[in-house]
Amino acid sequence: MSTLTTFDVTTADDAARLRLLGYEQQLRRSLGMRGNLALGFATISPVVGLYGVALVGLAVAGGLWVWALPVALAGQACLVSVYAELAARFPVAGGAYQWTRRVLPSARYAWMTGWLSLCAFLAANTTIAYLAAPWVWAALGDTPGPALHVATAAVFLLACSAVNTYGIEPLRRLVSLGIAAEIVASVVVGLVLLLAFREQGLSVLTDSLGAEAAFGGSSLAAGLAVLAVAGWAFLGMDACIASSEETRDAARHVPRAVWAALLSVGAIVVLDAVAVTLAHPDPSLVPAGADVDPVTTAVTQGFGDWATKPFAVLVLVAFVACGMAAQGATARMMWSMSRDEVLPGSRALQRLNRHQAPVGAIAGVTLVGGAGLLLGLDSTAMGSLLAFGTAVAYLVFLLIAVAALIGRLTGRWQPAGGARRARRGLALNVAAVAWLGFEFVNVAWPREQLAPPDAPWYQVWAAVLVTVLALAAGTFYLLVAQPHRRVAAASSFAGGGAR
């Protein structure tokens, strides 16, 4: 029998359900399932995801890279099964921290999981802004220098933050407009490339194009590298969880939104990956280093040079939607932890404005993101931040899946409601732990082939080094400030058993 306070997950009163979890309703609960899905879809983002993996995937595995995507998607689906069960049982913002403190007795474990989750999302916000900046200038027909690149990214960051201060409903509306652009830029363009502008035969999808030469001729090493790259495309489901306290009937709608966000984005990314590879005039140029933007090459080859600027605008709008949704999710995760006063500056971070937006946390996210952009003056440093963010995201996924599995086996919690998978739930939880353990090591593994040419050793080891630094910083704060004591008190109030 679970030691947690139980409740009927079909109860219509979301505020009462939240009160049983230890909190009063403070945010504006106005989202339906589609609104919650929109935030998750925009954060995972098929356009941003494709641009993040297409170049590196083609470079390290040739046409074979597309097959790594469904493998990574299947692994993430195991994780989402766990997410859906936890979201139905605990419909509260800030999943990583809030879930683990309820399903495990260790408050230290819960705090560290929440801390690492924040670190990963803060790094993601900075990299999204940095990667979006060139598209502003591409739409204007220009290319920025390093300083202008960083300045543009800072303006992008501030604009996304400004939108978030007006609350969840304006955010949902603007994100929905961005998703419309994503559908054009991904689904429509992908289908047209595939059906009308195909340049390669299907055999290219089974051809490594000699890319394994960079790995000493080892196809296994190249395959593991491209699977690590494929994992970059399926991050961001936490945005659905972060807006749980702003979603009506969250215990029912959020689990459905998480599944819909992952599967819809996954299908589009696979479609576009195949389309770009088949529509590219010469994919072998990518492993050879002669084409550093295979997606744009495929689009302009098919549609003509006139499409360059319109396509850049569509991609930029997708980045804007992704940036707004990701910053909103990060702010809500930070706010969720700060109301238990377990973060530095919690009193300021938990402030809400008249729109019931977590304005204190939004300011915190903006300040950290702006500071991170200073790394953009050195492009290799931004590469380190991207590697760190991805590795730590998978570490957080793993910590959540392990906590859920231990809690399930020890009886500290039991899935409930429509997201419950009965016997399959345990098997999927075990599969999630196995996949995430493997993929975390695979993503963090130091590879010279994924670093810039002639990169120093610390660039190759960036994911490991910065992950260790984040763990060390969290451990230091645990020892000095002892936030786990406040986590334990909050869990006791909510009916948990953390200590």
Protein backbone atom coordinates (compact mmCIF):
# COMPACT_ATOMS: atom_id res chain seq x y z
CA MET A 1 0.00 0.00 0.00
CA SER A 2 1.36 3.45 -0.89
CA THR A 3 2.37 5.70 2.00
CA LEU A 4 1.06 8.69 0.03
CA THR A 5 -2.31 10.35 0.42
CA THR A 6 -4.55 8.82 -2.22
CA PHE A 7 -7.21 10.49 -4.30
CA ASP A 8 -9.46 9.77 -7.23
CA VAL A 9 -7.64 10.99 -10.36
CA THR A 10 -10.96 11.50 -12.11
CA THR A 11 -12.00 14.20 -9.60
CA ALA A 12 -13.05 17.35 -11.44
CA ASP A 13 -11.74 19.73 -8.81
CA ASP A 14 -8.14 20.38 -9.83
CA ALA A 15 -7.59 22.80 -6.96
CA ALA A 16 -8.63 20.15 -4.43
CA ARG A 17 -6.34 17.61 -6.05
CA LEU A 18 -3.47 20.10 -5.92
CA ARG A 19 -4.24 20.82 -2.27
CA LEU A 20 -3.84 17.12 -1.49
CA LEU A 21 -0.36 17.40 -2.99
CA GLY A 22 0.44 20.22 -0.58
CA TYR A 23 -0.15 23.38 -2.61
CA GLU A 24 -2.82 26.00 -3.15
CA GLN A 25 -3.84 26.95 -6.69
CA GLN A 26 -1.80 30.05 -7.65
CA LEU A 27 -1.37 29.88 -11.43
CA ARG A 28 -4.21 30.51 -13.88
CA ARG A 29 -5.69 27.17 -14.94
CA SER A 30 -6.91 27.87 -18.48
CA LEU A 31 -5.26 25.32 -20.78
CA GLY A 32 -7.05 22.37 -22.29
CA MET A 33 -5.34 19.27 -23.64
CA ARG A 34 -4.55 20.94 -26.98
CA GLY A 35 -3.02 23.96 -25.27
CA ASN A 36 -0.81 21.74 -23.14
CA LEU A 37 0.12 19.71 -26.22
CA ALA A 38 1.04 22.90 -28.10
CA LEU A 39 3.62 23.83 -25.46
CA GLY A 40 5.16 20.36 -25.52
CA PHE A 41 5.15 20.18 -29.32
CA ALA A 42 6.82 23.58 -29.63
CA THR A 43 9.51 22.73 -27.08
CA ILE A 44 10.45 19.40 -28.67
CA SER A 45 10.04 21.15 -32.07
CA PRO A 46 10.51 19.08 -35.22
CA VAL A 47 12.21 21.97 -37.04
CA VAL A 48 14.64 22.79 -34.22
CA GLY A 49 15.23 19.09 -33.62
CA LEU A 50 15.92 18.37 -37.28
CA TYR A 51 18.38 21.24 -37.59
CA GLY A 52 20.10 20.04 -34.44
CA VAL A 53 20.75 16.54 -35.77
CA ALA A 54 20.68 16.49 -39.59
CA LEU A 55 24.18 17.84 -40.19
CA VAL A 56 25.88 15.75 -37.51
CA GLY A 57 23.84 12.65 -38.31
CA LEU A 58 24.72 12.72 -42.01
CA ALA A 59 28.34 13.53 -41.17
CA VAL A 60 28.89 10.55 -38.85
CA ALA A 61 26.72 7.87 -40.52
CA GLY A 62 25.78 9.01 -44.03
CA GLY A 63 22.33 7.99 -45.23
CA LEU A 64 22.12 5.36 -42.50
CA TRP A 65 21.58 8.09 -39.93
CA VAL A 66 17.81 8.12 -40.47
CA TRP A 67 17.46 4.66 -38.89
CA ALA A 68 18.81 5.90 -35.57
CA LEU A 69 15.81 8.22 -35.20
CA PRO A 70 13.08 5.55 -34.77
CA VAL A 71 15.34 3.68 -32.34
CA ALA A 72 15.76 6.80 -30.19
CA LEU A 73 12.03 7.52 -30.51
CA ALA A 74 11.16 4.03 -29.26
CA GLY A 75 13.48 4.47 -26.28
CA GLN A 76 11.92 7.83 -25.44
CA ALA A 77 8.45 6.29 -25.74
CA CYS A 78 9.39 3.98 -22.84
CA LEU A 79 10.27 7.08 -20.82
CA VAL A 80 7.01 8.80 -21.78
CA SER A 81 5.08 5.79 -20.52
CA VAL A 82 6.64 6.46 -17.10
CA TYR A 83 6.04 10.21 -17.46
CA ALA A 84 2.38 9.66 -18.27
CA GLU A 85 1.82 7.47 -15.20
CA LEU A 86 3.57 9.96 -12.93
CA ALA A 87 1.74 12.94 -14.45
CA ALA A 88 -1.61 11.24 -13.88
CA ARG A 89 -0.73 10.38 -10.28
CA PHE A 90 0.94 13.70 -9.42
CA PRO A 91 -0.44 16.49 -11.66
CA VAL A 92 1.87 19.21 -10.37
CA ALA A 93 4.37 21.56 -12.06
CA GLY A 94 8.06 20.73 -11.83
CA GLY A 95 7.97 16.99 -12.52
CA ALA A 96 11.60 16.01 -11.89
CA TYR A 97 11.68 17.47 -8.39
CA GLN A 98 8.03 16.99 -7.45
CA TRP A 99 7.78 13.37 -8.61
CA THR A 100 11.01 12.05 -7.13
CA ARG A 101 10.37 13.54 -3.70
CA ARG A 102 7.07 11.65 -3.58
CA VAL A 103 8.12 8.24 -4.87
CA LEU A 104 11.46 7.90 -3.02
CA PRO A 105 12.34 8.39 0.66
CA SER A 106 15.51 10.39 -0.17
CA ALA A 107 15.00 14.17 -0.14
CA ARG A 108 18.60 14.64 -1.29
CA TYR A 109 17.91 12.55 -4.39
CA ALA A 110 14.81 14.61 -5.16
CA TRP A 111 16.58 17.95 -4.76
CA MET A 112 19.54 16.89 -6.90
CA THR A 113 17.20 15.62 -9.63
CA GLY A 114 15.38 18.95 -9.66
CA TRP A 115 18.67 20.87 -9.65
CA LEU A 116 20.06 18.93 -12.61
CA SER A 117 16.78 19.33 -14.47
CA LEU A 118 17.01 23.10 -14.05
CA CYS A 119 20.63 23.07 -15.23
CA ALA A 120 19.68 21.12 -18.36
CA PHE A 121 16.77 23.41 -19.24
CA LEU A 122 18.74 26.58 -18.55
CA ALA A 123 21.45 25.34 -20.91
CA ALA A 124 18.79 24.50 -23.49
CA ASN A 125 17.32 28.01 -23.34
CA THR A 126 20.72 29.53 -24.04
CA THR A 127 21.45 27.21 -26.95
CA ILE A 128 17.98 27.74 -28.49
CA ALA A 129 18.53 31.51 -28.45
CA TYR A 130 22.03 31.11 -29.86
CA LEU A 131 20.90 28.77 -32.65
CA ALA A 132 17.94 31.03 -33.49
CA ALA A 133 20.04 34.17 -34.00
CA PRO A 134 21.49 33.25 -37.44
CA TRP A 135 17.96 32.71 -38.77
CA VAL A 136 17.10 36.32 -37.96
CA TRP A 137 19.90 37.42 -40.26
CA ALA A 138 19.22 34.72 -42.82
CA ALA A 139 15.71 36.13 -43.18
CA LEU A 140 17.37 39.52 -43.83
CA GLY A 141 19.89 38.04 -46.25
CA ASP A 142 22.94 38.60 -44.05
CA THR A 143 25.33 36.75 -41.74
CA PRO A 144 26.24 38.10 -38.27
CA GLY A 145 29.71 38.23 -36.73
CA PRO A 146 30.28 36.69 -33.26
CA ALA A 147 29.38 39.84 -31.29
CA LEU A 148 26.28 40.59 -33.36
CA HIS A 149 25.30 36.91 -33.15
CA VAL A 150 25.35 37.04 -29.34
CA ALA A 151 23.55 40.40 -29.25
CA THR A 152 20.78 39.05 -31.51
CA ALA A 153 20.45 35.95 -29.32
CA ALA A 154 20.14 38.20 -26.24
CA VAL A 155 17.31 40.18 -27.87
CA PHE A 156 15.64 36.86 -28.79
CA LEU A 157 15.92 35.74 -25.16
CA LEU A 158 14.44 38.99 -23.84
CA ALA A 159 11.56 38.89 -26.33
CA CYS A 160 10.63 35.34 -25.29
CA SER A 161 10.77 36.36 -21.63
CA ALA A 162 8.58 39.41 -22.24
CA VAL A 163 5.86 37.24 -23.79
CA ASN A 164 6.00 34.87 -20.82
CA THR A 165 5.30 37.68 -18.35
CA TYR A 166 1.78 38.07 -19.79
CA GLY A 167 0.73 34.63 -18.58
CA ILE A 168 -0.09 31.25 -19.98
CA GLU A 169 -2.94 32.18 -22.36
CA PRO A 170 -1.01 34.72 -24.52
CA LEU A 171 1.89 32.26 -24.51
CA ARG A 172 -0.38 29.48 -25.77
CA ARG A 173 -1.78 31.66 -28.56
CA LEU A 174 1.60 32.76 -29.85
CA VAL A 175 3.03 29.26 -29.59
CA SER A 176 0.05 27.96 -31.57
CA LEU A 177 0.86 30.43 -34.36
CA GLY A 178 4.43 29.19 -34.32
CA ILE A 179 3.23 25.61 -34.62
CA ALA A 180 1.30 26.57 -37.76
CA ALA A 181 4.61 27.75 -39.24
CA GLU A 182 6.25 24.52 -38.09
CA ILE A 183 3.64 22.47 -39.90
CA VAL A 184 4.37 24.34 -43.13
CA ALA A 185 8.13 24.21 -42.63
CA SER A 186 8.21 20.56 -41.66
CA VAL A 187 5.22 18.56 -42.85
CA VAL A 188 4.39 20.40 -46.08
CA VAL A 189 7.97 21.07 -47.15
CA GLY A 190 8.99 17.54 -46.17
CA LEU A 191 6.22 15.91 -48.20
CA VAL A 192 6.93 18.09 -51.25
CA LEU A 193 10.65 17.28 -51.07
CA LEU A 194 9.87 13.59 -50.76
CA LEU A 195 7.24 13.40 -53.50
CA ALA A 196 8.37 15.99 -56.04
CA PHE A 197 12.07 16.76 -55.60
CA ARG A 198 13.72 13.45 -54.82
CA GLU A 199 17.29 13.28 -56.13
CA GLN A 200 18.51 10.01 -54.60
CA GLY A 201 17.39 6.43 -54.77
CA LEU A 202 16.25 4.57 -51.67
CA SER A 203 19.63 2.82 -51.55
CA VAL A 204 21.19 5.98 -50.08
CA LEU A 205 19.31 5.20 -46.85
CA THR A 206 21.46 2.07 -46.45
CA ASP A 207 24.72 3.72 -47.49
CA SER A 208 27.16 5.10 -44.92
CA LEU A 209 28.81 7.20 -47.66
CA GLY A 210 32.17 6.34 -46.13
CA ALA A 211 31.43 8.24 -42.91
CA GLU A 212 32.74 5.38 -40.77
CA ALA A 213 36.28 6.26 -41.93
CA ALA A 214 36.30 8.98 -39.26
CA PHE A 215 35.84 6.20 -36.67
CA GLY A 216 38.75 4.09 -37.93
CA GLY A 217 36.43 2.15 -40.20
CA SER A 218 34.26 0.91 -37.31
CA SER A 219 30.59 0.81 -38.27
CA LEU A 220 29.68 0.04 -34.64
CA ALA A 221 31.41 3.19 -33.36
CA ALA A 222 29.72 5.27 -36.05
CA GLY A 223 26.35 3.71 -35.21
CA LEU A 224 26.69 4.49 -31.51
CA ALA A 225 27.67 8.06 -32.33
CA VAL A 226 24.68 8.63 -34.58
CA LEU A 227 22.36 7.12 -31.96
CA ALA A 228 23.74 9.66 -29.48
CA VAL A 229 23.02 12.40 -32.00
CA ALA A 230 19.50 11.09 -32.62
CA GLY A 231 18.77 11.45 -28.92
CA TRP A 232 19.13 15.24 -29.28
CA ALA A 233 15.93 15.38 -31.34
CA PHE A 234 13.53 14.10 -28.66
CA LEU A 235 13.94 16.42 -25.68
CA GLY A 236 11.37 18.81 -24.22
CA MET A 237 8.39 16.70 -23.09
CA ASP A 238 8.82 18.31 -19.67
CA ALA A 239 7.07 21.44 -21.00
CA CYS A 240 3.77 19.55 -20.81
CA ILE A 241 4.50 18.64 -17.18
CA ALA A 242 5.62 22.16 -16.28
CA SER A 243 2.20 23.57 -17.20
CA SER A 244 0.25 20.93 -15.24
CA GLU A 245 -1.07 23.49 -12.75
CA GLU A 246 -2.36 25.62 -15.63
CA THR A 247 -4.16 22.73 -17.38
CA ARG A 248 -7.77 21.81 -16.68
CA ASP A 249 -8.28 18.18 -15.60
CA ALA A 250 -4.50 17.85 -15.66
CA ALA A 251 -4.45 14.26 -14.40
CA ARG A 252 -6.24 13.20 -17.58
CA HIS A 253 -5.06 15.73 -20.15
CA VAL A 254 -1.33 16.05 -19.41
CA PRO A 255 -0.51 12.33 -19.90
CA ARG A 256 -2.31 12.40 -23.26
CA ALA A 257 -0.51 15.60 -24.27
CA VAL A 258 2.91 14.14 -23.42
CA TRP A 259 2.26 11.12 -25.62
CA ALA A 260 0.83 13.21 -28.46
CA ALA A 261 3.73 15.68 -28.36
CA LEU A 262 6.44 13.02 -28.54
CA LEU A 263 4.77 10.83 -31.18
CA SER A 264 3.72 13.69 -33.48
CA VAL A 265 7.13 15.36 -33.37
CA GLY A 266 8.84 11.99 -33.75
CA ALA A 267 6.84 11.14 -36.88
CA ILE A 268 7.59 14.54 -38.44
CA VAL A 269 11.33 14.36 -37.66
CA VAL A 270 11.60 10.91 -39.24
CA LEU A 271 9.63 12.08 -42.30
CA ASP A 272 11.81 15.16 -42.76
CA ALA A 273 15.05 13.27 -42.16
CA VAL A 274 14.19 10.84 -44.96
CA ALA A 275 12.98 13.67 -47.21
CA VAL A 276 16.13 15.79 -46.75
CA THR A 277 18.43 12.82 -47.34
CA LEU A 278 16.61 11.75 -50.51
CA ALA A 279 16.22 15.31 -51.85
CA HIS A 280 19.84 16.32 -51.27
CA PRO A 281 21.75 16.62 -54.57
CA ASP A 282 24.86 14.93 -53.14
CA PRO A 283 24.69 13.69 -49.50
CA SER A 284 28.33 12.53 -49.66
CA LEU A 285 29.33 16.21 -49.45
CA VAL A 286 28.22 16.28 -45.81
CA PRO A 287 30.62 13.59 -44.43
CA ALA A 288 33.34 15.22 -46.57
CA GLY A 289 32.73 18.53 -44.80
CA ALA A 290 31.72 20.36 -48.01
CA ASP A 291 28.10 21.03 -46.94
CA VAL A 292 27.42 22.36 -43.44
CA ASP A 293 23.68 22.96 -43.94
CA PRO A 294 22.16 19.94 -45.68
CA VAL A 295 18.56 20.91 -44.84
CA THR A 296 18.75 24.30 -46.58
CA THR A 297 20.66 22.72 -49.45
CA ALA A 298 17.87 20.20 -50.01
CA VAL A 299 15.17 22.89 -49.81
CA THR A 300 16.84 25.34 -52.20
CA GLN A 301 17.77 22.55 -54.60
CA GLY A 302 14.15 21.50 -54.81
CA PHE A 303 12.23 24.78 -54.59
CA GLY A 304 14.87 27.11 -56.03
CA ASP A 305 16.90 29.96 -54.56
CA TRP A 306 13.77 32.11 -54.16
CA ALA A 307 12.73 29.86 -51.27
CA THR A 308 15.78 30.71 -49.14
CA LYS A 309 14.34 33.73 -47.32
CA PRO A 310 10.74 32.46 -46.94
CA PHE A 311 12.08 29.20 -45.57
CA ALA A 312 14.36 31.09 -43.18
CA VAL A 313 11.34 33.03 -41.89
CA LEU A 314 9.39 29.81 -41.27
CA VAL A 315 12.34 28.28 -39.42
CA LEU A 316 12.79 31.47 -37.36
CA VAL A 317 9.12 31.43 -36.32
CA ALA A 318 9.54 27.79 -35.23
CA PHE A 319 12.57 28.81 -33.14
CA VAL A 320 10.58 31.64 -31.56
CA ALA A 321 7.79 29.25 -30.56
CA CYS A 322 10.35 26.79 -29.19
CA GLY A 323 12.16 29.52 -27.26
CA MET A 324 8.99 30.92 -25.70
CA ALA A 325 7.69 27.50 -24.68
CA ALA A 326 11.06 26.30 -23.34
CA GLN A 327 11.59 29.46 -21.26
CA GLY A 328 8.06 29.21 -19.91
CA ALA A 329 8.63 25.59 -18.90
CA THR A 330 11.96 26.38 -17.24
CA ALA A 331 10.47 29.28 -15.29
CA ARG A 332 7.64 27.07 -14.00
CA MET A 333 10.10 24.36 -12.96
CA MET A 334 12.15 26.99 -11.11
CA TRP A 335 9.01 28.46 -9.53
CA SER A 336 7.79 25.03 -8.45
CA MET A 337 11.00 24.35 -6.56
CA SER A 338 11.30 27.87 -5.13
CA ARG A 339 7.88 27.73 -3.42
CA ASP A 340 9.40 25.04 -1.19
CA GLU A 341 12.29 27.50 -0.64
CA VAL A 342 14.91 24.98 -1.75
CA LEU A 343 16.72 27.24 -4.27
CA PRO A 344 18.96 30.26 -3.73
CA GLY A 345 16.81 33.40 -3.82
CA SER A 346 13.58 31.40 -3.47
CA ARG A 347 11.62 34.32 -2.03
CA ALA A 348 12.19 36.37 -5.20
CA LEU A 349 11.84 33.40 -7.58
CA GLN A 350 8.36 32.44 -6.34
CA ARG A 351 6.83 35.87 -7.08
CA LEU A 352 3.81 36.03 -9.40
CA ASN A 353 2.54 39.10 -11.26
CA ARG A 354 -1.02 40.23 -11.92
CA HIS A 355 -1.24 37.86 -14.91
CA GLN A 356 -0.44 34.96 -12.53
CA ALA A 357 2.84 34.42 -14.39
CA PRO A 358 5.93 33.39 -12.36
CA VAL A 359 7.67 36.67 -13.06
CA GLY A 360 10.42 36.13 -10.48
CA ALA A 361 11.43 32.82 -12.05
CA ILE A 362 11.14 34.29 -15.55
CA ALA A 363 13.62 36.99 -14.53
CA GLY A 364 15.93 34.35 -13.08
CA VAL A 365 15.79 32.26 -16.26
CA THR A 366 16.51 35.34 -18.36
CA LEU A 367 19.51 36.41 -16.29
CA VAL A 368 21.07 32.94 -16.35
CA GLY A 369 20.37 32.56 -20.07
CA GLY A 370 21.89 35.96 -20.84
CA ALA A 371 25.01 35.12 -18.87
CA GLY A 372 25.30 31.83 -20.74
CA LEU A 373 25.16 33.65 -24.06
CA LEU A 374 28.52 35.24 -23.30
CA LEU A 375 29.95 31.82 -24.10
CA GLY A 376 28.71 32.42 -27.64
CA LEU A 377 31.64 34.73 -28.27
CA ASP A 378 33.49 31.42 -28.62
CA SER A 379 31.44 29.02 -30.77
CA THR A 380 33.28 25.97 -29.38
CA ALA A 381 32.11 26.92 -25.88
CA MET A 382 28.50 26.90 -27.09
CA GLY A 383 29.12 23.43 -28.46
CA SER A 384 30.18 22.39 -24.96
CA LEU A 385 26.96 23.83 -23.53
CA LEU A 386 24.86 21.88 -26.04
CA ALA A 387 26.68 18.64 -25.21
CA PHE A 388 26.24 19.26 -21.49
CA GLY A 389 22.54 20.10 -21.79
CA THR A 390 21.81 16.92 -23.72
CA ALA A 391 23.83 14.66 -21.43
CA VAL A 392 22.29 16.07 -18.24
CA ALA A 393 18.79 15.89 -19.74
CA TYR A 394 19.27 12.14 -20.19
CA LEU A 395 20.74 11.85 -16.69
CA VAL A 396 17.58 13.51 -15.29
CA PHE A 397 15.38 11.18 -17.36
CA LEU A 398 17.32 8.26 -15.90
CA LEU A 399 16.99 9.52 -12.32
CA ILE A 400 13.22 9.91 -12.74
CA ALA A 401 12.82 6.44 -14.29
CA VAL A 402 14.94 4.82 -11.55
CA ALA A 403 12.96 6.61 -8.84
CA ALA A 404 9.67 5.52 -10.41
CA LEU A 405 10.86 1.92 -10.67
CA ILE A 406 12.07 1.76 -7.06
CA GLY A 407 8.90 3.43 -5.82
CA ARG A 408 6.78 1.02 -7.83
CA LEU A 409 8.62 -2.06 -6.56
CA THR A 410 8.59 -0.92 -2.94
CA GLY A 411 4.93 0.12 -3.01
CA ARG A 412 5.55 3.80 -2.24
CA TRP A 413 3.39 4.73 -5.20
CA GLN A 414 1.09 3.01 -7.66
CA PRO A 415 0.00 4.32 -11.07
CA ALA A 416 -3.64 5.34 -11.26
CA GLY A 417 -6.17 6.58 -13.76
CA GLY A 418 -6.22 6.25 -17.53
CA ALA A 419 -2.42 6.39 -17.88
CA ARG A 420 -1.95 3.18 -15.91
CA ARG A 421 -0.33 0.41 -17.96
CA ALA A 422 -0.95 -2.46 -15.49
CA ARG A 423 1.65 -5.22 -16.02
CA ARG A 424 3.09 -3.47 -19.06
CA GLY A 425 3.91 -0.47 -16.89
CA LEU A 426 6.59 -2.35 -14.96
CA ALA A 427 8.14 -3.77 -18.14
CA LEU A 428 8.16 -0.33 -19.79
CA ASN A 429 9.67 1.21 -16.66
CA VAL A 430 12.49 -1.36 -16.72
CA ALA A 431 12.99 -0.75 -20.45
CA ALA A 432 13.13 3.00 -19.81
CA VAL A 433 15.84 2.59 -17.17
CA ALA A 434 17.88 0.37 -19.51
CA TRP A 435 17.51 2.74 -22.47
CA LEU A 436 18.25 5.89 -20.50
CA GLY A 437 21.27 4.39 -18.75
CA PHE A 438 22.70 3.39 -22.10
CA GLU A 439 21.87 6.67 -23.84
CA PHE A 440 23.22 8.86 -21.04
CA VAL A 441 26.59 7.12 -21.27
CA ASN A 442 26.40 7.18 -25.07
CA VAL A 443 25.62 10.92 -25.24
CA ALA A 444 28.24 11.85 -22.65
CA TRP A 445 30.93 9.61 -24.15
CA PRO A 446 33.87 11.78 -25.35
CA ARG A 447 34.18 11.59 -29.14
CA GLU A 448 36.64 13.63 -31.17
CA GLN A 449 34.39 13.12 -34.22
CA LEU A 450 31.57 15.14 -32.62
CA ALA A 451 33.84 17.99 -31.53
CA PRO A 452 35.13 20.78 -33.81
CA PRO A 453 38.29 19.97 -35.82
CA ASP A 454 41.47 20.17 -33.70
CA ALA A 455 39.39 20.78 -30.57
CA PRO A 456 41.33 20.72 -27.27
CA TRP A 457 40.83 17.78 -24.96
CA TYR A 458 38.47 19.65 -22.65
CA GLN A 459 36.16 20.35 -25.60
CA VAL A 460 35.99 16.62 -26.38
CA TRP A 461 35.27 15.88 -22.71
CA ALA A 462 32.87 18.83 -22.31
CA ALA A 463 29.74 16.80 -21.50
CA VAL A 464 31.51 14.84 -18.78
CA LEU A 465 33.36 17.81 -17.29
CA VAL A 466 30.40 20.19 -17.12
CA THR A 467 28.12 17.43 -15.79
CA VAL A 468 30.61 16.77 -12.99
CA LEU A 469 30.75 20.53 -12.35
CA ALA A 470 26.92 20.72 -12.08
CA LEU A 471 26.91 17.74 -9.71
CA ALA A 472 29.68 19.31 -7.62
CA ALA A 473 27.84 22.65 -7.41
CA GLY A 474 24.64 20.87 -6.36
CA THR A 475 26.48 18.79 -3.78
CA PHE A 476 28.15 21.90 -2.33
CA TYR A 477 24.77 23.64 -1.97
CA LEU A 478 23.30 20.52 -0.36
CA LEU A 479 26.10 20.48 2.21
CA VAL A 480 26.02 24.21 2.95
CA ALA A 481 22.34 25.19 2.69
CA GLN A 482 20.81 21.75 3.34
CA PRO A 483 17.72 22.31 1.15
CA HIS A 484 16.83 18.64 1.53
CA ARG A 485 15.52 19.40 5.02
CA ARG A 486 12.90 21.72 3.51
CA VAL A 487 12.15 19.10 0.83
CA ALA A 488 11.49 16.57 3.60
CA ALA A 489 9.20 19.01 5.43
CA ALA A 490 7.24 19.75 2.25
CA SER A 491 6.89 16.03 1.49
CA SER A 492 5.65 15.33 5.00
CA PHE A 493 3.02 18.05 4.64
CA ALA A 494 1.86 16.58 1.33
CA GLY A 495 1.56 13.10 2.76
CA GLY A 496 4.86 11.77 1.41
CA GLY A 497 7.58 9.94 3.26
CA ALA A 498 10.77 11.73 2.19
CA ARG A 499 13.42 12.24 4.80
